[in-house]
Each structure stands twice: as structure tokens, then as C-alpha cells.
């Protein structure tokens, strides 16, 4: 066994990490967690604690967690694929692609770009959490309802975390792909995110369509 192989084996030794994970959970008072390391095609996982405080369901290696803003990685990848294909210019106004898009501020309506939305510099209020269900029209209806969305600062002035912007980007993906966000995710991000990681498409759909009970998976908290 080479030194490199020994180092990899040590890294993937769960007995090294399990006690540490349990110690940290106890220290911060968290109910549970799943810690994993991927080295090449090998995966080490350490589950600890419970997934549900009401019935003390233990966390296992197959336990699903709320995906939260990890979904923004999916959305950003779908957007950048469109850039690579020449279908989207990050610095063109969103209205170039979504002519009916608007927010309360006229200047932002006319000038906000995908780059602003990706970098959280649009100034658009990021906490719009209206529920539009999980249908294929959810993102379209969400973006229509942004017409009254106010600014928290002028376009491009600074940075503020913006979930609303990623829902708008999700709609942009739908329009440029001419398919629902879920379909775009299946068809354009499946290989990137799942096949390489050994996860199933069913797992993706189980976690990525839970959308803070608002829309699909474009911009979860």
C-alpha cells in the first residue's frame, strides 16, 4: 500500500469521524447531522442523531434533508449552461428574455441583468415567499407577482442575499429552454449532479421539488 493509498484510507475511516461528529452535535445542541467525504469514487458517511424530534427517527445514510439554498447551485448551473450555449448574455437586461418582467422600481425593471441576480446585487427584496404550489406554472405566476416587489437598495449598489432573484432566474431558464424548471433540471443537470455522485434521479426529485412550499427548486432558503 502506497503512502497516498494509506492517506486516502485514513481519510475515509468512519471511526475517525463518527465520535467527532457526535461530540460536535452535543456541543451545539443540534438534533442530528450526516457527515460525508467523497474521495474519487469512494464515499464515507457518518450519520448521527435524529431526523425528527417528535418520534426520534434516527438519521441514516439515506435520510433526506431539506435542500435549502443548495438548489441555487442547480439554478446557477442551468443559467451558465445557457450562457455557454450562446442563448443568454449575463449583461443583457432580463426583459430582453422576459419582456413582461417588472418590479416596483422602473430603473431596476429596465436594467436588472442575470449577473445582478446571480451575484445578489439587484437590490430586489429577497424575501418574497408567496406560495404558488408545485405546478409547472408556479415560477411564471411567481414572477408575474413580482410587479409590486420593492427595492432594499438601488440596483448594483451593494450585496444582499436574494431568494427572489433566483426564482426569477428559474423562470428565465424555463423560457429559454421552453420547458418547466423541473424538466430542465432533469435533462440538463442530471448528469452533472447525480450520475457522477451515484445518486438516483428519484432522489433529486424528492429533494429538489420541495421549494420552501413556494415554487419549484429555483431558490430555496
C-alpha atoms as a PDB file:
ATOM      1  CA  UNK A   1       0.000   0.000   0.000  1.00  0.00           C
ATOM      2  CA  UNK A   2       1.423   3.366  -1.043  1.00  0.00           C
ATOM      3  CA  UNK A   3       1.554   6.409   1.219  1.00  0.00           C
ATOM      4  CA  UNK A   4      -1.153   8.024  -0.904  1.00  0.00           C
ATOM      5  CA  UNK A   5      -3.413   4.996  -0.555  1.00  0.00           C
ATOM      6  CA  UNK A   6      -2.832   4.919   3.200  1.00  0.00           C
ATOM      7  CA  UNK A   7      -3.701   8.604   3.445  1.00  0.00           C
ATOM      8  CA  UNK A   8      -6.933   8.086   1.499  1.00  0.00           C
ATOM      9  CA  UNK A   9      -7.871   5.098   3.652  1.00  0.00           C
ATOM     10  CA  UNK A  10      -7.305   7.132   6.806  1.00  0.00           C
ATOM     11  CA  UNK A  11      -9.415   9.961   5.456  1.00  0.00           C
ATOM     12  CA  UNK A  12     -12.289   7.600   4.717  1.00  0.00           C
ATOM     13  CA  UNK A  13     -12.122   5.786   8.050  1.00  0.00           C
ATOM     14  CA  UNK A  14     -15.512   6.498   9.648  1.00  0.00           C
ATOM     15  CA  UNK A  15     -14.211   5.561  13.113  1.00  0.00           C
ATOM     16  CA  UNK A  16     -12.089   8.686  12.899  1.00  0.00           C
ATOM     17  CA  UNK A  17     -15.036  10.970  12.228  1.00  0.00           C
ATOM     18  CA  UNK A  18     -18.045   9.451  13.988  1.00  0.00           C
ATOM     19  CA  UNK A  19     -17.001  10.349  17.560  1.00  0.00           C
ATOM     20  CA  UNK A  20     -16.044  13.839  16.449  1.00  0.00           C
ATOM     21  CA  UNK A  21     -19.420  14.385  14.781  1.00  0.00           C
ATOM     22  CA  UNK A  22     -21.290  13.193  17.855  1.00  0.00           C
ATOM     23  CA  UNK A  23     -19.130  15.427  20.057  1.00  0.00           C
ATOM     24  CA  UNK A  24     -19.882  18.491  17.928  1.00  0.00           C
ATOM     25  CA  UNK A  25     -23.608  17.767  17.850  1.00  0.00           C
ATOM     26  CA  UNK A  26     -23.644  17.577  21.617  1.00  0.00           C
ATOM     27  CA  UNK A  27     -21.654  20.784  21.915  1.00  0.00           C
ATOM     28  CA  UNK A  28     -24.041  22.870  19.789  1.00  0.00           C
ATOM     29  CA  UNK A  29     -27.230  21.073  20.810  1.00  0.00           C
ATOM     30  CA  UNK A  30     -28.168  20.061  17.249  1.00  0.00           C
ATOM     31  CA  UNK A  31     -30.589  17.148  16.841  1.00  0.00           C
ATOM     32  CA  UNK A  32     -28.623  15.390  14.147  1.00  0.00           C
ATOM     33  CA  UNK A  33     -26.433  15.519  11.058  1.00  0.00           C
ATOM     34  CA  UNK A  34     -24.938  13.441   8.287  1.00  0.00           C
ATOM     35  CA  UNK A  35     -21.247  13.959   7.571  1.00  0.00           C
ATOM     36  CA  UNK A  36     -19.728  12.648   4.341  1.00  0.00           C
ATOM     37  CA  UNK A  37     -16.426  12.683   2.495  1.00  0.00           C
ATOM     38  CA  UNK A  38     -16.040  11.746  -1.165  1.00  0.00           C
ATOM     39  CA  UNK A  39     -12.593  10.707  -2.377  1.00  0.00           C
ATOM     40  CA  UNK A  40     -12.558   9.686  -6.016  1.00  0.00           C
ATOM     41  CA  UNK A  41     -15.368   7.153  -6.364  1.00  0.00           C
ATOM     42  CA  UNK A  42     -15.386   6.268  -2.659  1.00  0.00           C
ATOM     43  CA  UNK A  43     -17.819   7.798  -0.189  1.00  0.00           C
ATOM     44  CA  UNK A  44     -17.630   7.692   3.594  1.00  0.00           C
ATOM     45  CA  UNK A  45     -20.765   8.661   5.546  1.00  0.00           C
ATOM     46  CA  UNK A  46     -21.343   9.167   9.256  1.00  0.00           C
ATOM     47  CA  UNK A  47     -24.953   9.593  10.430  1.00  0.00           C
ATOM     48  CA  UNK A  48     -25.655  10.774  13.961  1.00  0.00           C
ATOM     49  CA  UNK A  49     -28.627  11.929  15.998  1.00  0.00           C
ATOM     50  CA  UNK A  50     -32.266  12.088  14.978  1.00  0.00           C
ATOM     51  CA  UNK A  51     -34.115  13.422  11.945  1.00  0.00           C
ATOM     52  CA  UNK A  52     -37.370  14.050  13.794  1.00  0.00           C
ATOM     53  CA  UNK A  53     -37.595  15.216  17.392  1.00  0.00           C
ATOM     54  CA  UNK A  54     -41.218  14.101  17.702  1.00  0.00           C
ATOM     55  CA  UNK A  55     -40.657  10.409  17.002  1.00  0.00           C
ATOM     56  CA  UNK A  56     -36.853  10.203  17.409  1.00  0.00           C
ATOM     57  CA  UNK A  57     -36.371   8.789  13.909  1.00  0.00           C
ATOM     58  CA  UNK A  58     -32.619   8.202  13.637  1.00  0.00           C
ATOM     59  CA  UNK A  59     -30.621   9.816  10.878  1.00  0.00           C
ATOM     60  CA  UNK A  60     -29.370   7.223   8.405  1.00  0.00           C
ATOM     61  CA  UNK A  61     -27.199   7.427   5.311  1.00  0.00           C
ATOM     62  CA  UNK A  62     -30.344   7.588   3.165  1.00  0.00           C
ATOM     63  CA  UNK A  63     -32.094  10.298   5.194  1.00  0.00           C
ATOM     64  CA  UNK A  64     -33.283  13.230   3.067  1.00  0.00           C
ATOM     65  CA  UNK A  65     -32.628  16.743   4.323  1.00  0.00           C
ATOM     66  CA  UNK A  66     -34.310  19.965   3.254  1.00  0.00           C
ATOM     67  CA  UNK A  67     -32.212  21.040   0.301  1.00  0.00           C
ATOM     68  CA  UNK A  68     -32.319  24.760   1.113  1.00  0.00           C
ATOM     69  CA  UNK A  69     -30.069  27.063  -0.901  1.00  0.00           C
ATOM     70  CA  UNK A  70     -28.038  24.214  -2.348  1.00  0.00           C
ATOM     71  CA  UNK A  71     -30.692  24.484  -5.058  1.00  0.00           C
ATOM     72  CA  UNK A  72     -29.135  27.813  -6.066  1.00  0.00           C
ATOM     73  CA  UNK A  73     -26.164  25.804  -7.351  1.00  0.00           C
ATOM     74  CA  UNK A  74     -28.568  23.911  -9.615  1.00  0.00           C
ATOM     75  CA  UNK A  75     -30.153  27.129 -10.883  1.00  0.00           C
ATOM     76  CA  UNK A  76     -26.820  28.885 -11.414  1.00  0.00           C
ATOM     77  CA  UNK A  77     -25.536  25.859 -13.354  1.00  0.00           C
ATOM     78  CA  UNK A  78     -28.608  25.840 -15.600  1.00  0.00           C
ATOM     79  CA  UNK A  79     -28.126  29.563 -16.221  1.00  0.00           C
ATOM     80  CA  UNK A  80     -24.432  29.231 -17.050  1.00  0.00           C
ATOM     81  CA  UNK A  81     -25.166  26.348 -19.421  1.00  0.00           C
ATOM     82  CA  UNK A  82     -27.379  28.759 -21.341  1.00  0.00           C
ATOM     83  CA  UNK A  83     -24.512  31.262 -21.398  1.00  0.00           C
ATOM     84  CA  UNK A  84     -22.146  28.592 -22.746  1.00  0.00           C
ATOM     85  CA  UNK A  85     -24.655  27.769 -25.480  1.00  0.00           C
ATOM     86  CA  UNK A  86     -24.965  31.417 -26.516  1.00  0.00           C
ATOM     87  CA  UNK A  87     -28.621  31.605 -25.501  1.00  0.00           C
ATOM     88  CA  UNK A  88     -28.105  34.070 -22.655  1.00  0.00           C
ATOM     89  CA  UNK A  89     -25.928  37.138 -22.134  1.00  0.00           C
ATOM     90  CA  UNK A  90     -25.374  37.768 -18.434  1.00  0.00           C
ATOM     91  CA  UNK A  91     -25.239  41.518 -19.010  1.00  0.00           C
ATOM     92  CA  UNK A  92     -28.384  41.891 -21.098  1.00  0.00           C
ATOM     93  CA  UNK A  93     -31.437  43.143 -19.199  1.00  0.00           C
ATOM     94  CA  UNK A  94     -33.730  40.372 -18.018  1.00  0.00           C
ATOM     95  CA  UNK A  95     -36.512  41.990 -20.048  1.00  0.00           C
ATOM     96  CA  UNK A  96     -34.639  41.023 -23.206  1.00  0.00           C
ATOM     97  CA  UNK A  97     -35.741  37.473 -22.427  1.00  0.00           C
ATOM     98  CA  UNK A  98     -38.762  38.100 -20.193  1.00  0.00           C
ATOM     99  CA  UNK A  99     -40.493  41.108 -21.827  1.00  0.00           C
ATOM    100  CA  UNK A 100     -43.298  41.182 -19.268  1.00  0.00           C
ATOM    101  CA  UNK A 101     -40.969  41.139 -16.257  1.00  0.00           C
ATOM    102  CA  UNK A 102     -41.206  44.054 -13.902  1.00  0.00           C
ATOM    103  CA  UNK A 103     -40.695  45.075 -10.285  1.00  0.00           C
ATOM    104  CA  UNK A 104     -41.833  48.204  -8.474  1.00  0.00           C
ATOM    105  CA  UNK A 105     -38.734  50.223  -9.380  1.00  0.00           C
ATOM    106  CA  UNK A 106     -38.781  51.315 -13.030  1.00  0.00           C
ATOM    107  CA  UNK A 107     -34.994  51.557 -13.386  1.00  0.00           C
ATOM    108  CA  UNK A 108     -34.459  48.067 -11.996  1.00  0.00           C
ATOM    109  CA  UNK A 109     -37.200  46.721 -14.239  1.00  0.00           C
ATOM    110  CA  UNK A 110     -35.401  48.037 -17.309  1.00  0.00           C
ATOM    111  CA  UNK A 111     -31.781  47.376 -16.317  1.00  0.00           C
ATOM    112  CA  UNK A 112     -31.512  44.358 -13.996  1.00  0.00           C
ATOM    113  CA  UNK A 113     -29.492  41.524 -15.547  1.00  0.00           C
ATOM    114  CA  UNK A 114     -28.872  37.861 -14.867  1.00  0.00           C
ATOM    115  CA  UNK A 115     -25.466  38.855 -13.496  1.00  0.00           C
ATOM    116  CA  UNK A 116     -27.148  41.072 -10.904  1.00  0.00           C
ATOM    117  CA  UNK A 117     -29.446  38.226  -9.887  1.00  0.00           C
ATOM    118  CA  UNK A 118     -26.670  35.619  -9.707  1.00  0.00           C
ATOM    119  CA  UNK A 119     -24.487  37.904  -7.598  1.00  0.00           C
ATOM    120  CA  UNK A 120     -27.297  39.116  -5.294  1.00  0.00           C
ATOM    121  CA  UNK A 121     -26.703  42.744  -6.303  1.00  0.00           C
ATOM    122  CA  UNK A 122     -30.100  43.539  -7.840  1.00  0.00           C
ATOM    123  CA  UNK A 123     -31.369  45.309  -4.724  1.00  0.00           C
ATOM    124  CA  UNK A 124     -34.704  43.495  -5.131  1.00  0.00           C
ATOM    125  CA  UNK A 125     -36.374  42.461  -1.878  1.00  0.00           C
ATOM    126  CA  UNK A 126     -35.194  38.893  -1.437  1.00  0.00           C
ATOM    127  CA  UNK A 127     -37.815  37.653   0.990  1.00  0.00           C
ATOM    128  CA  UNK A 128     -40.851  37.238  -1.230  1.00  0.00           C
ATOM    129  CA  UNK A 129     -42.204  33.883  -0.069  1.00  0.00           C
ATOM    130  CA  UNK A 130     -45.687  33.732  -1.566  1.00  0.00           C
ATOM    131  CA  UNK A 131     -46.821  30.185  -2.255  1.00  0.00           C
ATOM    132  CA  UNK A 132     -47.687  29.191  -5.806  1.00  0.00           C
ATOM    133  CA  UNK A 133     -47.623  25.443  -5.268  1.00  0.00           C
ATOM    134  CA  UNK A 134     -45.599  22.946  -7.289  1.00  0.00           C
ATOM    135  CA  UNK A 135     -47.278  23.082 -10.678  1.00  0.00           C
ATOM    136  CA  UNK A 136     -45.415  23.849 -13.891  1.00  0.00           C
ATOM    137  CA  UNK A 137     -46.877  27.367 -13.841  1.00  0.00           C
ATOM    138  CA  UNK A 138     -45.557  28.176 -10.350  1.00  0.00           C
ATOM    139  CA  UNK A 139     -42.490  30.152 -11.376  1.00  0.00           C
ATOM    140  CA  UNK A 140     -44.364  32.044 -14.070  1.00  0.00           C
ATOM    141  CA  UNK A 141     -47.003  33.109 -11.568  1.00  0.00           C
ATOM    142  CA  UNK A 142     -44.334  33.983  -9.025  1.00  0.00           C
ATOM    143  CA  UNK A 143     -42.530  36.277 -11.470  1.00  0.00           C
ATOM    144  CA  UNK A 144     -45.815  37.923 -12.503  1.00  0.00           C
ATOM    145  CA  UNK A 145     -46.423  38.754  -8.855  1.00  0.00           C
ATOM    146  CA  UNK A 146     -43.036  40.481  -8.576  1.00  0.00           C
ATOM    147  CA  UNK A 147     -44.547  43.612 -10.158  1.00  0.00           C
ATOM    148  CA  UNK A 148     -45.004  45.168  -6.723  1.00  0.00           C
ATOM    149  CA  UNK A 149     -41.684  43.956  -5.297  1.00  0.00           C
ATOM    150  CA  UNK A 150     -39.741  46.858  -3.772  1.00  0.00           C
ATOM    151  CA  UNK A 151     -36.005  47.592  -3.632  1.00  0.00           C
ATOM    152  CA  UNK A 152     -33.929  47.310  -0.460  1.00  0.00           C
ATOM    153  CA  UNK A 153     -31.167  49.330  -2.163  1.00  0.00           C
ATOM    154  CA  UNK A 154     -30.544  50.756  -5.653  1.00  0.00           C
ATOM    155  CA  UNK A 155     -29.631  48.350  -8.438  1.00  0.00           C
ATOM    156  CA  UNK A 156     -25.982  47.292  -8.180  1.00  0.00           C
ATOM    157  CA  UNK A 157     -25.230  49.405  -5.081  1.00  0.00           C
ATOM    158  CA  UNK A 158     -24.199  46.543  -2.812  1.00  0.00           C
ATOM    159  CA  UNK A 159     -24.885  42.889  -1.943  1.00  0.00           C
ATOM    160  CA  UNK A 160     -27.910  41.415  -0.184  1.00  0.00           C
ATOM    161  CA  UNK A 161     -28.929  37.756  -0.233  1.00  0.00           C
ATOM    162  CA  UNK A 162     -31.856  37.480  -2.616  1.00  0.00           C
ATOM    163  CA  UNK A 163     -34.028  34.377  -2.921  1.00  0.00           C
ATOM    164  CA  UNK A 164     -36.457  36.250  -5.162  1.00  0.00           C
ATOM    165  CA  UNK A 165     -33.749  36.779  -7.759  1.00  0.00           C
ATOM    166  CA  UNK A 166     -33.125  33.065  -8.095  1.00  0.00           C
ATOM    167  CA  UNK A 167     -36.810  32.375  -8.630  1.00  0.00           C
ATOM    168  CA  UNK A 168     -36.671  34.926 -11.447  1.00  0.00           C
ATOM    169  CA  UNK A 169     -33.630  33.102 -12.838  1.00  0.00           C
ATOM    170  CA  UNK A 170     -35.561  29.851 -12.629  1.00  0.00           C
ATOM    171  CA  UNK A 171     -38.267  31.391 -14.796  1.00  0.00           C
ATOM    172  CA  UNK A 172     -35.597  32.628 -17.212  1.00  0.00           C
ATOM    173  CA  UNK A 173     -34.383  29.027 -17.557  1.00  0.00           C
ATOM    174  CA  UNK A 174     -37.928  27.881 -18.287  1.00  0.00           C
ATOM    175  CA  UNK A 175     -38.462  30.444 -21.035  1.00  0.00           C
ATOM    176  CA  UNK A 176     -35.101  29.923 -22.765  1.00  0.00           C
ATOM    177  CA  UNK A 177     -35.361  26.127 -22.537  1.00  0.00           C
ATOM    178  CA  UNK A 178     -39.056  26.153 -23.431  1.00  0.00           C
ATOM    179  CA  UNK A 179     -39.785  23.660 -20.670  1.00  0.00           C
ATOM    180  CA  UNK A 180     -40.530  23.628 -16.958  1.00  0.00           C
ATOM    181  CA  UNK A 181     -37.776  24.176 -14.421  1.00  0.00           C
ATOM    182  CA  UNK A 182     -38.131  20.579 -13.231  1.00  0.00           C
ATOM    183  CA  UNK A 183     -37.762  19.275 -16.793  1.00  0.00           C
ATOM    184  CA  UNK A 184     -34.725  21.489 -17.392  1.00  0.00           C
ATOM    185  CA  UNK A 185     -33.192  20.209 -14.175  1.00  0.00           C
ATOM    186  CA  UNK A 186     -33.765  16.590 -15.158  1.00  0.00           C
ATOM    187  CA  UNK A 187     -32.495  16.992 -18.702  1.00  0.00           C
ATOM    188  CA  UNK A 188     -29.597  19.410 -18.260  1.00  0.00           C
ATOM    189  CA  UNK A 189     -28.292  18.924 -14.726  1.00  0.00           C
ATOM    190  CA  UNK A 190     -28.938  15.235 -14.062  1.00  0.00           C
ATOM    191  CA  UNK A 191     -25.601  14.014 -15.402  1.00  0.00           C
ATOM    192  CA  UNK A 192     -23.693  16.861 -13.768  1.00  0.00           C
ATOM    193  CA  UNK A 193     -25.085  16.471 -10.272  1.00  0.00           C
ATOM    194  CA  UNK A 194     -26.265  12.904  -9.917  1.00  0.00           C
ATOM    195  CA  UNK A 195     -24.684  10.294 -12.134  1.00  0.00           C
ATOM    196  CA  UNK A 196     -21.205  11.309 -11.027  1.00  0.00           C
ATOM    197  CA  UNK A 197     -22.289  11.172  -7.402  1.00  0.00           C
ATOM    198  CA  UNK A 198     -24.101   7.858  -7.577  1.00  0.00           C
ATOM    199  CA  UNK A 199     -27.490   9.302  -6.621  1.00  0.00           C
ATOM    200  CA  UNK A 200     -30.731   8.451  -8.353  1.00  0.00           C
ATOM    201  CA  UNK A 201     -33.000  10.800 -10.264  1.00  0.00           C
ATOM    202  CA  UNK A 202     -35.734   9.890  -7.795  1.00  0.00           C
ATOM    203  CA  UNK A 203     -33.577  11.334  -5.013  1.00  0.00           C
ATOM    204  CA  UNK A 204     -33.152  14.584  -6.941  1.00  0.00           C
ATOM    205  CA  UNK A 205     -36.857  14.957  -7.485  1.00  0.00           C
ATOM    206  CA  UNK A 206     -37.593  14.112  -3.852  1.00  0.00           C
ATOM    207  CA  UNK A 207     -35.421  16.939  -2.585  1.00  0.00           C
ATOM    208  CA  UNK A 208     -35.301  19.473  -5.391  1.00  0.00           C
ATOM    209  CA  UNK A 209     -39.035  19.937  -5.863  1.00  0.00           C
ATOM    210  CA  UNK A 210     -39.574  20.807  -2.207  1.00  0.00           C
ATOM    211  CA  UNK A 211     -39.441  24.532  -2.614  1.00  0.00           C
ATOM    212  CA  UNK A 212     -39.954  26.237   0.740  1.00  0.00           C
ATOM    213  CA  UNK A 213     -43.595  25.477  -0.084  1.00  0.00           C
ATOM    214  CA  UNK A 214     -43.394  28.343  -2.546  1.00  0.00           C
ATOM    215  CA  UNK A 215     -42.405  27.375  -6.057  1.00  0.00           C
ATOM    216  CA  UNK A 216     -40.155  24.689  -7.507  1.00  0.00           C
ATOM    217  CA  UNK A 217     -36.473  24.420  -6.675  1.00  0.00           C
ATOM    218  CA  UNK A 218     -35.085  27.628  -8.068  1.00  0.00           C
ATOM    219  CA  UNK A 219     -34.299  29.436  -4.847  1.00  0.00           C
ATOM    220  CA  UNK A 220     -34.808  27.641  -1.566  1.00  0.00           C
ATOM    221  CA  UNK A 221     -33.707  29.136   1.737  1.00  0.00           C
END
